[in-house]
Amino acid sequence: MIKVELTKLFSPGKIGTIKIKNRIVRSATFEGMASREGYVRDELIELYTNLAQGGTGLIITGATAVDSRYSVGSRCQCLNDDSFMSGQQQLVKAVHEYPDVKIGAQLAHNGRLGPHPKYKPVAPSPVIYKATGKVPRELTTDEIEVIIKKFVAAGRRAFECGYDLVQLHGCHGYLLSSFLSPYTNKRTDDFGGTTEKRTRILIDIYNQLRDEVGKNYPILVKMQVIDDIPGGLTIEEAKKIAKILVNVGYDAIEPSGGSSELEMESSNHLPSKKIKNPEDENYLLPAAKELKPLMRKIPLILVGGIRNPLSAEKFLQEDSCDFISLSRPLINEPHLPNRWKAGDLTPASCVSCNSCLIAIFMGQPVHCAVRKKLERKKRRKQEGT
């Protein structure tokens, strides 16, 4: 049998000033495990401790609300005022018990993707959200400036809590991506009308946050590259946006696409397409290859249907990306990186059924239904029932 070495996958990498022990990133994944008010609970700390034990080099948290009125789901963790910092510090400390593991906070605002029983969804423009039939309220320029300051304040708190980096959630129909997309941004002022103006909110957040955290703290962005809807963002315009963000100074880009609006209609859309055979894997690789030449020296993080360690190694070796990012496989198998490193190169056992997404949409904590079913079966067998 020929021994295959995953030399690149398990080699150290850098994002900004921080060293990552390998090229495996846990892509931000909503957990639904905070308290109803958004405070960190033991269940959330246990989830991240398990991921740290499992060998992932960089863990990015699920969306953390910069405004608790516009959190991205039930039991979303928040960082919109100082009262949330103690729990966040405990979470970071638990992960840093594994000193070679890094953790970043993803910062997000729900925008038009409500509804909240008390607060009407907001957006750059009043474009109907088809999943609910609701029309969001158009933000004023002054309100946009307030939201920018909320992102900056949450980023500063993440920095003070000890997070190794922050990532802005600019994907999947949430507020920042709705500014980027011509489908949802019809403005003609300083925040819309051209590619540059639609990108301004990300530019302003970066510049103001950089002033708060200093020149060496990594600021990343998860960036929408394709909306997958008529009149939406295309890869050609996404390339222009990527160039702007690279020039501004972002330390890494994780390109993704689609929206929860599409997922509500069908569970086989970006960003979480079902994978029925190996040909369906790595579905964002073509977009990543389009963006990679524009990255200069900053890392590109590839996400989207990565299941096979040999494929991941190949993409890294051929310089299609600098890191690979996993979500659903780590819900199913949190210790997957350790398994691959130990020499078991069987692809991820995740069957991409999207039951984890259905659980989130139903307001449950994220979990793999397939794994839970197998665990129940195993327990019954052991108990002889």
Protein backbone atom coordinates (compact mmCIF):
# COMPACT_ATOMS: atom_id res chain seq x y z
CA MET A 1 0.00 0.00 0.00
CA ILE A 2 1.33 3.46 -0.96
CA LYS A 3 1.59 5.80 1.99
CA VAL A 4 0.22 9.27 1.24
CA GLU A 5 1.61 12.24 3.17
CA LEU A 6 -0.63 15.23 3.79
CA THR A 7 2.41 17.46 4.01
CA LYS A 8 0.68 20.73 3.12
CA LEU A 9 -2.59 20.11 4.96
CA PHE A 10 -0.72 19.61 8.22
CA SER A 11 1.95 22.24 7.70
CA PRO A 12 1.78 25.54 9.62
CA GLY A 13 0.24 28.58 7.96
CA LYS A 14 -0.09 32.26 8.82
CA ILE A 15 -2.96 34.71 8.81
CA GLY A 16 -1.66 38.17 9.42
CA THR A 17 0.66 37.93 12.39
CA ILE A 18 -0.67 34.68 13.85
CA LYS A 19 0.65 31.20 13.15
CA ILE A 20 -1.88 28.41 12.58
CA LYS A 21 -0.64 24.87 13.31
CA ASN A 22 -2.25 23.38 10.18
CA ARG A 23 -4.36 24.45 7.21
CA ILE A 24 -7.70 23.32 8.64
CA VAL A 25 -10.27 25.96 9.64
CA ARG A 26 -13.57 25.32 11.33
CA SER A 27 -15.88 27.47 9.23
CA ALA A 28 -18.23 29.63 11.28
CA THR A 29 -21.30 27.55 12.07
CA PHE A 30 -24.33 28.77 13.99
CA GLU A 31 -24.64 26.82 17.25
CA GLY A 32 -27.89 27.93 18.93
CA MET A 33 -26.34 27.13 22.33
CA ALA A 34 -26.18 30.52 24.06
CA SER A 35 -28.73 31.61 26.63
CA ARG A 36 -31.89 33.27 25.35
CA GLU A 37 -30.25 36.62 26.07
CA GLY A 38 -27.07 35.70 24.15
CA TYR A 39 -24.70 34.79 26.98
CA VAL A 40 -22.19 31.94 26.70
CA ARG A 41 -23.33 28.72 28.38
CA ASP A 42 -21.40 25.57 29.35
CA GLU A 43 -22.85 23.74 26.34
CA LEU A 44 -21.20 26.25 24.02
CA ILE A 45 -17.84 25.99 25.79
CA GLU A 46 -18.03 22.19 25.58
CA LEU A 47 -18.63 22.38 21.82
CA TYR A 48 -15.54 24.50 21.25
CA THR A 49 -13.37 22.50 23.64
CA ASN A 50 -14.27 19.37 21.68
CA LEU A 51 -13.28 21.05 18.41
CA ALA A 52 -9.98 22.18 19.94
CA GLN A 53 -9.28 18.62 21.10
CA GLY A 54 -10.11 17.37 17.61
CA GLY A 55 -7.13 18.94 15.89
CA THR A 56 -8.57 21.92 14.01
CA GLY A 57 -5.94 24.66 13.64
CA LEU A 58 -8.27 27.67 13.58
CA ILE A 59 -11.79 27.68 14.98
CA ILE A 60 -14.15 30.47 13.91
CA THR A 61 -17.21 30.81 16.11
CA GLY A 62 -20.74 30.84 14.84
CA ALA A 63 -22.21 34.24 14.06
CA THR A 64 -21.92 36.52 17.09
CA ALA A 65 -24.45 39.34 17.08
CA VAL A 66 -23.20 42.92 17.14
CA ASP A 67 -26.77 43.96 18.03
CA SER A 68 -28.88 41.53 20.06
CA ARG A 69 -32.04 42.88 18.42
CA TYR A 70 -30.75 41.49 15.13
CA SER A 71 -29.12 38.21 16.15
CA VAL A 72 -29.03 35.55 13.45
CA GLY A 73 -31.16 32.98 15.23
CA SER A 74 -32.51 31.54 18.46
CA ARG A 75 -29.93 31.41 21.26
CA CYS A 76 -27.34 33.33 19.25
CA GLN A 77 -24.28 34.45 21.21
CA CYS A 78 -23.90 38.23 21.43
CA LEU A 79 -21.13 40.76 21.97
CA ASN A 80 -23.00 44.05 21.74
CA ASP A 81 -22.18 45.24 25.24
CA ASP A 82 -19.61 44.60 27.95
CA SER A 83 -21.89 42.30 29.95
CA PHE A 84 -21.26 39.53 27.41
CA MET A 85 -17.47 39.66 27.78
CA SER A 86 -17.03 37.46 30.85
CA GLY A 87 -18.61 34.44 29.17
CA GLN A 88 -16.71 35.07 25.96
CA GLN A 89 -13.45 35.23 27.92
CA GLN A 90 -14.25 31.84 29.49
CA LEU A 91 -14.87 30.36 26.04
CA VAL A 92 -11.57 31.69 24.69
CA LYS A 93 -9.71 30.49 27.77
CA ALA A 94 -11.14 26.97 27.37
CA VAL A 95 -9.93 26.77 23.77
CA HIS A 96 -6.53 28.24 24.65
CA GLU A 97 -6.02 25.37 27.10
CA TYR A 98 -4.87 23.77 23.84
CA PRO A 99 -2.09 26.31 23.18
CA ASP A 100 -1.58 25.45 19.52
CA VAL A 101 -5.25 26.10 18.65
CA LYS A 102 -6.43 29.56 17.57
CA ILE A 103 -9.96 30.92 17.77
CA GLY A 104 -11.67 33.83 16.04
CA ALA A 105 -15.04 35.49 16.59
CA GLN A 106 -17.36 35.91 13.62
CA LEU A 107 -19.32 39.17 13.88
CA ALA A 108 -22.74 39.41 12.24
CA HIS A 109 -25.98 41.36 11.89
CA ASN A 110 -29.14 39.61 10.68
CA GLY A 111 -30.32 42.52 8.52
CA ARG A 112 -33.28 41.59 6.32
CA LEU A 113 -33.35 37.94 7.38
CA GLY A 114 -35.59 38.42 10.45
CA PRO A 115 -38.26 38.23 11.61
CA HIS A 116 -37.96 39.35 15.21
CA PRO A 117 -41.26 39.65 17.09
CA LYS A 118 -40.42 43.21 18.20
CA TYR A 119 -38.03 44.65 15.60
CA LYS A 120 -38.71 44.97 11.89
CA PRO A 121 -35.92 43.60 9.65
CA VAL A 122 -33.62 46.25 8.18
CA ALA A 123 -31.66 46.38 4.93
CA PRO A 124 -29.97 48.75 2.50
CA SER A 125 -33.18 48.73 0.42
CA PRO A 126 -36.78 47.54 0.94
CA VAL A 127 -36.49 44.35 -1.14
CA ILE A 128 -38.88 41.57 -0.11
CA TYR A 129 -37.39 38.58 1.73
CA LYS A 130 -39.12 35.73 -0.08
CA ALA A 131 -38.70 33.19 2.70
CA THR A 132 -41.06 35.18 4.95
CA GLY A 133 -42.79 37.56 2.55
CA LYS A 134 -41.62 40.47 4.71
CA VAL A 135 -40.28 43.74 3.30
CA PRO A 136 -37.42 45.12 5.42
CA ARG A 137 -37.19 48.74 6.43
CA GLU A 138 -34.60 50.77 4.50
CA LEU A 139 -31.78 52.02 6.71
CA THR A 140 -30.97 55.72 6.83
CA THR A 141 -27.38 56.86 6.39
CA ASP A 142 -27.21 57.75 10.08
CA GLU A 143 -28.43 54.26 11.02
CA ILE A 144 -25.75 52.69 8.80
CA GLU A 145 -23.11 54.71 10.63
CA VAL A 146 -24.47 53.42 13.95
CA ILE A 147 -24.29 49.82 12.69
CA ILE A 148 -20.69 50.36 11.58
CA LYS A 149 -19.87 51.51 15.11
CA LYS A 150 -21.61 48.42 16.53
CA PHE A 151 -19.39 46.14 14.43
CA VAL A 152 -16.33 48.09 15.55
CA ALA A 153 -17.32 47.96 19.23
CA ALA A 154 -17.99 44.20 19.04
CA GLY A 155 -14.64 43.69 17.31
CA ARG A 156 -12.86 45.62 20.05
CA ARG A 157 -14.60 43.50 22.69
CA ALA A 158 -13.55 40.30 20.89
CA PHE A 159 -9.97 41.58 20.87
CA GLU A 160 -10.15 42.37 24.59
CA CYS A 161 -11.66 38.93 25.32
CA GLY A 162 -8.55 37.29 23.88
CA TYR A 163 -9.83 36.11 20.51
CA ASP A 164 -6.92 35.62 18.12
CA LEU A 165 -8.78 37.32 15.26
CA VAL A 166 -12.20 38.43 14.08
CA GLN A 167 -14.11 37.64 10.90
CA LEU A 168 -16.88 39.82 9.48
CA HIS A 169 -19.85 37.83 8.15
CA GLY A 170 -20.37 39.25 4.66
CA CYS A 171 -22.26 36.28 3.21
CA HIS A 172 -25.52 34.39 2.86
CA GLY A 173 -27.95 37.30 2.78
CA TYR A 174 -27.10 38.79 6.17
CA LEU A 175 -26.72 42.54 6.47
CA LEU A 176 -23.18 43.04 5.15
CA SER A 177 -23.74 40.81 2.12
CA SER A 178 -27.03 42.55 1.38
CA PHE A 179 -25.01 45.75 0.92
CA LEU A 180 -22.66 43.99 -1.53
CA SER A 181 -25.42 42.55 -3.71
CA PRO A 182 -27.14 44.58 -6.46
CA TYR A 183 -30.21 42.39 -5.83
CA THR A 184 -30.72 43.76 -2.32
CA ASN A 185 -28.93 47.12 -2.54
CA LYS A 186 -30.75 49.64 -4.75
CA ARG A 187 -29.37 52.72 -2.99
CA THR A 188 -27.99 55.69 -4.89
CA ASP A 189 -26.15 57.38 -2.01
CA ASP A 190 -22.68 56.75 -0.55
CA PHE A 191 -23.58 53.14 0.27
CA GLY A 192 -24.94 52.01 -3.11
CA GLY A 193 -25.07 52.51 -6.85
CA THR A 194 -21.58 51.24 -7.74
CA THR A 195 -19.45 48.29 -6.71
CA GLU A 196 -17.19 50.58 -4.70
CA LYS A 197 -20.08 52.24 -2.86
CA ARG A 198 -21.80 48.93 -2.10
CA THR A 199 -18.49 47.79 -0.57
CA ARG A 200 -18.09 50.93 1.52
CA ILE A 201 -19.64 49.47 4.68
CA LEU A 202 -16.92 46.79 4.79
CA ILE A 203 -14.25 49.41 4.12
CA ASP A 204 -15.47 51.69 6.91
CA ILE A 205 -15.78 48.86 9.43
CA TYR A 206 -12.25 47.69 8.64
CA ASN A 207 -10.68 51.14 8.91
CA GLN A 208 -12.42 52.04 12.16
CA LEU A 209 -11.80 48.63 13.74
CA ARG A 210 -8.15 48.76 12.73
CA ASP A 211 -7.84 52.01 14.68
CA GLU A 212 -9.22 50.22 17.75
CA VAL A 213 -7.18 46.98 17.68
CA GLY A 214 -3.87 48.13 16.21
CA LYS A 215 -1.99 47.13 13.08
CA ASN A 216 -1.15 43.52 14.05
CA TYR A 217 -4.58 42.08 14.89
CA PRO A 218 -6.00 39.97 12.03
CA ILE A 219 -9.32 41.10 10.56
CA LEU A 220 -10.88 38.61 8.15
CA VAL A 221 -13.99 38.65 6.00
CA LYS A 222 -16.30 35.89 4.84
CA MET A 223 -17.25 37.37 1.50
CA GLN A 224 -20.19 36.71 -0.77
CA VAL A 225 -19.00 35.78 -4.27
CA ILE A 226 -22.22 34.58 -5.87
CA ASP A 227 -25.87 35.08 -4.92
CA ASP A 228 -27.17 32.29 -7.16
CA ILE A 229 -30.27 34.38 -7.94
CA PRO A 230 -31.21 36.50 -11.00
CA GLY A 231 -29.94 40.06 -10.67
CA GLY A 232 -27.66 39.11 -7.81
CA LEU A 233 -23.93 39.23 -7.24
CA THR A 234 -21.82 37.47 -9.88
CA ILE A 235 -18.28 36.17 -9.71
CA GLU A 236 -17.11 38.95 -12.02
CA GLU A 237 -18.30 41.66 -9.66
CA ALA A 238 -17.10 39.65 -6.66
CA LYS A 239 -13.59 39.79 -8.11
CA LYS A 240 -13.79 43.59 -8.10
CA ILE A 241 -14.97 43.54 -4.48
CA ALA A 242 -12.17 41.17 -3.50
CA LYS A 243 -9.58 43.51 -5.01
CA ILE A 244 -11.01 46.41 -3.02
CA LEU A 245 -10.92 44.43 0.24
CA VAL A 246 -7.38 43.22 -0.37
CA ASN A 247 -6.25 46.79 -1.02
CA VAL A 248 -8.01 48.03 2.13
CA GLY A 249 -6.01 45.58 4.23
CA TYR A 250 -8.15 42.57 5.18
CA ASP A 251 -5.91 39.74 6.39
CA ALA A 252 -7.77 36.82 4.75
CA ILE A 253 -10.86 36.17 2.64
CA GLU A 254 -13.17 33.15 2.86
CA PRO A 255 -15.37 33.24 -0.27
CA SER A 256 -18.84 31.71 -0.05
CA GLY A 257 -22.24 32.20 -1.66
CA GLY A 258 -25.97 31.65 -1.67
CA SER A 259 -28.32 32.63 1.13
CA SER A 260 -30.65 31.25 3.75
CA GLU A 261 -33.44 32.70 1.58
CA LEU A 262 -32.67 29.94 -0.92
CA GLU A 263 -32.20 27.32 1.79
CA MET A 264 -35.69 28.03 3.11
CA GLU A 265 -37.04 27.17 -0.36
CA SER A 266 -34.89 24.06 -0.78
CA SER A 267 -32.12 22.42 1.25
CA ASN A 268 -29.94 21.90 -1.84
CA HIS A 269 -28.68 25.42 -2.51
CA LEU A 270 -25.52 27.30 -1.70
CA PRO A 271 -24.05 27.67 0.85
CA SER A 272 -24.83 24.09 1.96
CA LYS A 273 -25.46 22.01 -1.15
CA LYS A 274 -26.17 18.32 -0.78
CA ILE A 275 -23.37 16.01 -1.92
CA LYS A 276 -24.56 12.75 -3.45
CA ASN A 277 -21.29 11.72 -5.10
CA PRO A 278 -17.65 12.90 -5.23
CA GLU A 279 -18.37 15.05 -8.30
CA ASP A 280 -20.61 17.26 -6.13
CA GLU A 281 -17.80 18.06 -3.69
CA ASN A 282 -15.69 21.23 -3.55
CA TYR A 283 -18.44 23.28 -5.17
CA LEU A 284 -16.85 26.67 -4.42
CA LEU A 285 -13.46 25.70 -5.83
CA PRO A 286 -14.11 27.35 -9.24
CA ALA A 287 -14.90 30.66 -7.51
CA ALA A 288 -11.82 30.35 -5.30
CA LYS A 289 -9.63 29.79 -8.34
CA GLU A 290 -11.01 32.99 -9.89
CA LEU A 291 -10.18 34.98 -6.76
CA LYS A 292 -6.82 33.47 -5.82
CA PRO A 293 -4.71 35.48 -8.32
CA LEU A 294 -6.13 38.69 -6.80
CA MET A 295 -5.11 37.86 -3.23
CA ARG A 296 -1.53 39.12 -3.45
CA LYS A 297 0.00 37.73 -0.28
CA ILE A 298 -3.12 37.35 1.87
CA PRO A 299 -4.58 33.87 2.42
CA LEU A 300 -7.67 32.53 0.68
CA ILE A 301 -9.72 30.09 2.76
CA LEU A 302 -11.60 27.51 0.65
CA VAL A 303 -14.97 26.34 1.96
CA GLY A 304 -17.81 24.37 0.41
CA GLY A 305 -18.21 20.60 0.25
CA ILE A 306 -14.66 19.56 1.11
CA ARG A 307 -14.81 15.93 2.21
CA ASN A 308 -11.64 14.19 0.99
CA PRO A 309 -8.23 14.91 2.59
CA LEU A 310 -6.43 14.01 -0.63
CA SER A 311 -8.44 16.63 -2.52
CA ALA A 312 -7.71 19.19 0.20
CA GLU A 313 -4.00 18.42 -0.05
CA LYS A 314 -4.14 18.77 -3.84
CA PHE A 315 -5.85 22.19 -3.71
CA LEU A 316 -3.24 23.45 -1.26
CA GLN A 317 -0.34 22.03 -3.27
CA GLU A 318 -1.55 23.58 -6.52
CA ASP A 319 -2.05 26.96 -4.76
CA SER A 320 -5.81 27.13 -5.34
CA CYS A 321 -6.14 28.13 -1.68
CA ASP A 322 -4.10 28.59 1.49
CA PHE A 323 -6.47 27.01 4.02
CA ILE A 324 -9.47 24.68 3.78
CA SER A 325 -12.58 25.30 5.85
CA LEU A 326 -15.03 22.69 7.15
CA SER A 327 -18.48 23.06 8.70
CA ARG A 328 -20.83 20.08 8.34
CA PRO A 329 -18.04 17.46 8.53
CA LEU A 330 -16.98 18.83 11.94
CA ILE A 331 -20.57 18.78 13.21
CA ASN A 332 -20.62 15.08 12.39
CA GLU A 333 -17.03 14.33 13.40
CA PRO A 334 -15.32 17.00 15.56
CA HIS A 335 -12.08 14.99 15.72
CA LEU A 336 -11.80 14.55 11.95
CA PRO A 337 -8.47 16.46 11.66
CA ASN A 338 -6.87 14.12 14.22
CA ARG A 339 -8.11 11.09 12.29
CA TRP A 340 -6.63 12.34 9.05
CA LYS A 341 -3.37 13.26 10.73
CA ALA A 342 -3.14 9.77 12.26
CA GLY A 343 -3.19 8.30 8.75
CA ASP A 344 -6.85 7.31 8.33
CA LEU A 345 -7.54 9.12 5.06
CA THR A 346 -11.12 7.96 4.69
CA PRO A 347 -13.19 10.98 3.60
CA ALA A 348 -15.37 12.76 6.14
CA SER A 349 -18.25 10.58 7.26
CA CYS A 350 -20.73 13.47 6.85
CA VAL A 351 -23.39 12.40 4.33
CA SER A 352 -24.44 16.01 3.64
CA CYS A 353 -28.09 15.31 4.42
CA ASN A 354 -28.43 18.82 5.91
CA SER A 355 -30.31 17.56 8.96
CA CYS A 356 -28.04 19.88 10.97
CA LEU A 357 -29.45 22.86 9.06
CA ILE A 358 -33.02 21.70 9.61
CA ALA A 359 -32.33 21.53 13.35
CA ILE A 360 -31.09 25.14 13.31
CA PHE A 361 -34.15 26.33 11.35
CA MET A 362 -36.34 24.62 13.97
CA GLY A 363 -34.61 26.53 16.77
CA GLN A 364 -32.64 23.56 18.09
CA PRO A 365 -28.93 23.53 18.97
CA VAL A 366 -26.80 22.43 16.03
CA HIS A 367 -26.22 18.68 15.96
CA CYS A 368 -25.79 15.80 13.54
CA ALA A 369 -29.01 13.77 13.51
CA VAL A 370 -27.27 10.87 11.77
CA ARG A 371 -24.61 10.64 14.46
CA LYS A 372 -27.19 10.92 17.24
CA LYS A 373 -29.17 8.08 15.69
CA LEU A 374 -26.07 5.88 15.49
CA GLU A 375 -25.16 6.70 19.09
CA ARG A 376 -28.66 5.75 20.28
CA LYS A 377 -28.43 2.48 18.35
CA LYS A 378 -25.05 1.74 19.89
CA ARG A 379 -26.32 2.45 23.42
CA ARG A 380 -29.34 0.18 22.95
CA LYS A 381 -27.08 -2.59 21.67
CA GLN A 382 -24.76 -2.22 24.67
CA GLU A 383 -27.73 -2.27 27.04
CA GLY A 384 -29.10 -5.35 25.28
CA THR A 385 -32.43 -3.74 24.46
